[in-house]
Amino acid sequence: MTDNIANEHNVSDIFTKYRAQLKNYIAKRVISKEDGEDILQNVFYQLSKIDLIEKPIEQISAWLYSVANNQIIDRSRKHKEEEMKTVTNEKGEEMFLAEITGLLLDESSSPEKEYLRSLVWDELEVALAELPEEQRQVFELTELEGFSFKEISEATGVTVNTLISRKRYAVLHLRDRLKGLYNDLIGDD
């Protein structure tokens, strides 16, 4: 059976038709539900970048599964590269986040704290600017402004799982980017 795209020029129609089966395919190949949702979104994002009228895809289902498979492989490689030991406090918060946000939001003042705070803010602003908008926004809303994932989800319509996944990627980037500064401040190597 061939999937001639001639009758399927609309990405939303293709999404409706293939979403469930593609989601199941991805879910069987990734551990995290959030990663599966991200991959599914990325597949349809890639499709949305193609002009289906000028450059029709002859085998749409094969193309979708091929892109999904490539995304799964890429995600698997990234996870292997990004795996780092995570230290949590008694509340279950990552120590990286707890230490950095604790320092930034600490209202006590001394010349040393002000200097450290300005260093951290400067580095954090640069690192946040490197993030995709969605990741930066969820990190800032949860860590710096104190909103819950549920509140953000209700305001934006983005699922809680997607928000958690976005924040996770933001934290991984920030942890890597601010690792040297964190080690200097905390005294670990």
Protein backbone atom coordinates (compact mmCIF):
# COMPACT_ATOMS: atom_id res chain seq x y z
CA MET A 1 0.00 0.00 0.00
CA THR A 2 1.45 3.36 -0.97
CA ASP A 3 0.74 6.60 0.82
CA ASN A 4 0.63 9.12 -1.99
CA ILE A 5 0.76 12.54 -0.43
CA ALA A 6 -1.16 14.07 -3.33
CA ASN A 7 -4.32 14.06 -1.22
CA GLU A 8 -2.54 14.97 2.01
CA HIS A 9 -1.19 18.51 1.76
CA ASN A 10 -2.23 19.51 5.25
CA VAL A 11 0.12 18.65 8.12
CA SER A 12 -2.78 18.55 10.57
CA ASP A 13 -4.53 15.89 8.46
CA ILE A 14 -1.35 13.84 8.36
CA PHE A 15 -0.91 14.36 12.10
CA THR A 16 -4.46 13.15 12.77
CA LYS A 17 -4.01 10.12 10.54
CA TYR A 18 -0.58 8.93 11.78
CA ARG A 19 -0.24 10.33 15.31
CA ALA A 20 -1.48 7.32 17.29
CA GLN A 21 0.45 4.65 15.42
CA LEU A 22 3.62 6.75 15.34
CA LYS A 23 3.29 7.48 19.05
CA ASN A 24 3.03 3.73 19.77
CA TYR A 25 6.04 3.02 17.57
CA ILE A 26 8.12 5.62 19.43
CA ALA A 27 6.87 4.56 22.88
CA LYS A 28 8.18 1.03 22.31
CA ARG A 29 11.65 2.39 21.59
CA VAL A 30 12.21 5.05 24.26
CA ILE A 31 12.11 4.76 28.03
CA SER A 32 10.71 8.15 28.95
CA LYS A 33 7.18 9.16 28.01
CA GLU A 34 8.41 12.77 27.82
CA ASP A 35 11.13 11.81 25.34
CA GLY A 36 8.51 10.01 23.27
CA GLU A 37 6.31 13.10 23.19
CA ASP A 38 9.28 15.29 22.26
CA ILE A 39 10.24 12.95 19.43
CA LEU A 40 6.67 12.86 18.12
CA GLN A 41 6.55 16.67 18.17
CA ASN A 42 9.90 16.87 16.40
CA VAL A 43 8.76 14.50 13.65
CA PHE A 44 5.72 16.62 12.86
CA TYR A 45 7.77 19.80 13.22
CA GLN A 46 10.15 18.45 10.56
CA LEU A 47 7.14 17.68 8.37
CA SER A 48 5.76 21.18 8.85
CA LYS A 49 8.98 22.66 7.42
CA ILE A 50 8.39 20.91 4.07
CA ASP A 51 6.25 22.40 1.31
CA LEU A 52 4.17 19.33 0.56
CA ILE A 53 2.64 20.83 -2.56
CA GLU A 54 5.93 21.68 -4.28
CA LYS A 55 7.88 18.73 -2.88
CA PRO A 56 5.40 15.93 -2.17
CA ILE A 57 6.56 12.95 -0.15
CA GLU A 58 5.57 9.77 -1.98
CA GLN A 59 5.64 7.42 1.02
CA ILE A 60 4.50 9.61 3.91
CA SER A 61 4.32 6.83 6.49
CA ALA A 62 7.80 5.58 5.58
CA TRP A 63 9.11 9.15 5.79
CA LEU A 64 7.49 9.68 9.22
CA TYR A 65 8.90 6.43 10.62
CA SER A 66 12.32 7.17 9.18
CA VAL A 67 12.41 10.61 10.81
CA ALA A 68 11.12 9.12 14.08
CA ASN A 69 13.80 6.44 13.99
CA ASN A 70 16.51 9.05 13.40
CA GLN A 71 15.17 11.13 16.29
CA ILE A 72 15.20 8.06 18.56
CA ILE A 73 18.81 7.30 17.63
CA ASP A 74 19.86 10.94 18.14
CA ARG A 75 18.08 11.07 21.51
CA SER A 76 19.76 7.84 22.59
CA ARG A 77 23.20 9.22 21.70
CA LYS A 78 22.52 12.48 23.54
CA HIS A 79 21.39 10.64 26.67
CA LYS A 80 24.59 8.62 26.74
CA GLU A 81 26.64 11.80 26.38
CA GLU A 82 24.62 13.77 28.95
CA GLU A 83 24.42 11.24 31.75
CA MET A 84 25.82 12.90 34.84
CA LYS A 85 25.48 12.11 38.51
CA THR A 86 22.62 14.09 40.02
CA VAL A 87 22.80 14.98 43.69
CA THR A 88 19.51 15.77 45.41
CA ASN A 89 18.72 17.32 48.78
CA GLU A 90 16.16 16.08 51.32
CA LYS A 91 13.32 17.73 49.36
CA GLY A 92 14.33 15.82 46.22
CA GLU A 93 15.55 18.97 44.47
CA GLU A 94 18.72 18.78 42.44
CA MET A 95 21.56 20.32 44.43
CA PHE A 96 22.69 22.22 41.34
CA LEU A 97 19.36 24.03 41.13
CA ALA A 98 18.98 24.41 44.87
CA GLU A 99 22.45 25.95 45.27
CA ILE A 100 22.21 28.29 42.27
CA THR A 101 18.66 29.50 42.91
CA GLY A 102 19.35 29.69 46.64
CA LEU A 103 22.26 32.01 46.00
CA LEU A 104 20.34 34.11 43.47
CA LEU A 105 17.24 34.54 45.61
CA ASP A 106 18.99 34.92 48.98
CA GLU A 107 18.02 38.33 50.34
CA SER A 108 20.87 38.64 52.82
CA SER A 109 23.55 41.05 51.78
CA SER A 110 27.28 41.26 52.12
CA PRO A 111 29.95 42.40 49.66
CA GLU A 112 30.96 38.76 49.04
CA LYS A 113 27.39 37.60 48.42
CA GLU A 114 26.67 40.54 46.14
CA TYR A 115 29.79 39.77 44.10
CA LEU A 116 28.97 36.04 43.87
CA ARG A 117 25.37 36.83 43.01
CA SER A 118 26.43 39.16 40.19
CA LEU A 119 28.83 36.52 38.84
CA VAL A 120 26.12 33.86 38.87
CA TRP A 121 23.51 36.17 37.33
CA ASP A 122 25.89 37.17 34.53
CA GLU A 123 26.78 33.55 33.72
CA LEU A 124 23.19 32.39 34.08
CA GLU A 125 21.89 35.09 31.72
CA VAL A 126 24.41 34.09 29.06
CA ALA A 127 23.61 30.38 29.48
CA LEU A 128 19.84 31.01 29.43
CA ALA A 129 20.19 33.04 26.23
CA GLU A 130 21.71 29.96 24.55
CA LEU A 131 18.60 27.86 25.27
CA PRO A 132 15.65 27.43 22.91
CA GLU A 133 12.87 29.83 23.95
CA GLU A 134 10.55 27.09 25.29
CA GLN A 135 13.25 25.62 27.56
CA ARG A 136 14.39 29.02 28.82
CA GLN A 137 10.85 30.09 29.55
CA VAL A 138 9.89 26.99 31.59
CA PHE A 139 13.15 27.18 33.56
CA GLU A 140 12.64 30.85 34.40
CA LEU A 141 8.97 30.37 35.31
CA THR A 142 9.60 27.41 37.63
CA GLU A 143 12.96 28.31 39.17
CA LEU A 144 13.02 32.08 39.19
CA GLU A 145 9.35 33.00 39.38
CA GLY A 146 8.06 30.06 41.44
CA PHE A 147 5.27 28.85 39.19
CA SER A 148 4.30 25.17 39.27
CA PHE A 149 4.23 23.03 36.15
CA LYS A 150 0.47 22.75 36.57
CA GLU A 151 0.04 26.52 36.61
CA ILE A 152 2.20 26.93 33.52
CA SER A 153 0.34 24.12 31.76
CA GLU A 154 -3.02 25.69 32.48
CA ALA A 155 -1.84 29.10 31.24
CA THR A 156 -0.11 27.88 28.08
CA GLY A 157 -1.98 24.70 27.14
CA VAL A 158 1.31 22.77 27.02
CA THR A 159 1.17 19.42 28.84
CA VAL A 160 2.92 19.08 32.20
CA ASN A 161 5.06 16.24 30.81
CA THR A 162 6.26 18.40 27.95
CA LEU A 163 7.09 21.22 30.37
CA ILE A 164 9.02 18.81 32.60
CA SER A 165 10.93 17.53 29.59
CA ARG A 166 11.77 21.07 28.46
CA LYS A 167 12.98 21.99 31.92
CA ARG A 168 15.09 18.83 32.05
CA TYR A 169 16.89 19.82 28.84
CA ALA A 170 17.35 23.34 30.17
CA VAL A 171 18.85 21.99 33.40
CA LEU A 172 21.19 19.66 31.49
CA HIS A 173 22.43 22.56 29.40
CA LEU A 174 22.76 24.90 32.36
CA ARG A 175 24.48 22.26 34.48
CA ASP A 176 27.03 21.67 31.74
CA ARG A 177 27.43 25.35 30.96
CA LEU A 178 27.74 26.49 34.60
CA LYS A 179 29.69 23.48 35.87
CA GLY A 180 32.97 25.38 36.24
CA LEU A 181 31.37 28.26 38.08
CA TYR A 182 29.39 25.86 40.30
CA ASN A 183 32.55 23.94 41.20
CA ASP A 184 34.37 27.19 41.99
CA LEU A 185 31.52 28.36 44.24
CA ILE A 186 30.85 25.08 46.00
CA GLY A 187 34.44 23.89 46.09
CA ASP A 188 33.88 20.48 44.43
CA ASP A 189 35.98 19.18 41.53
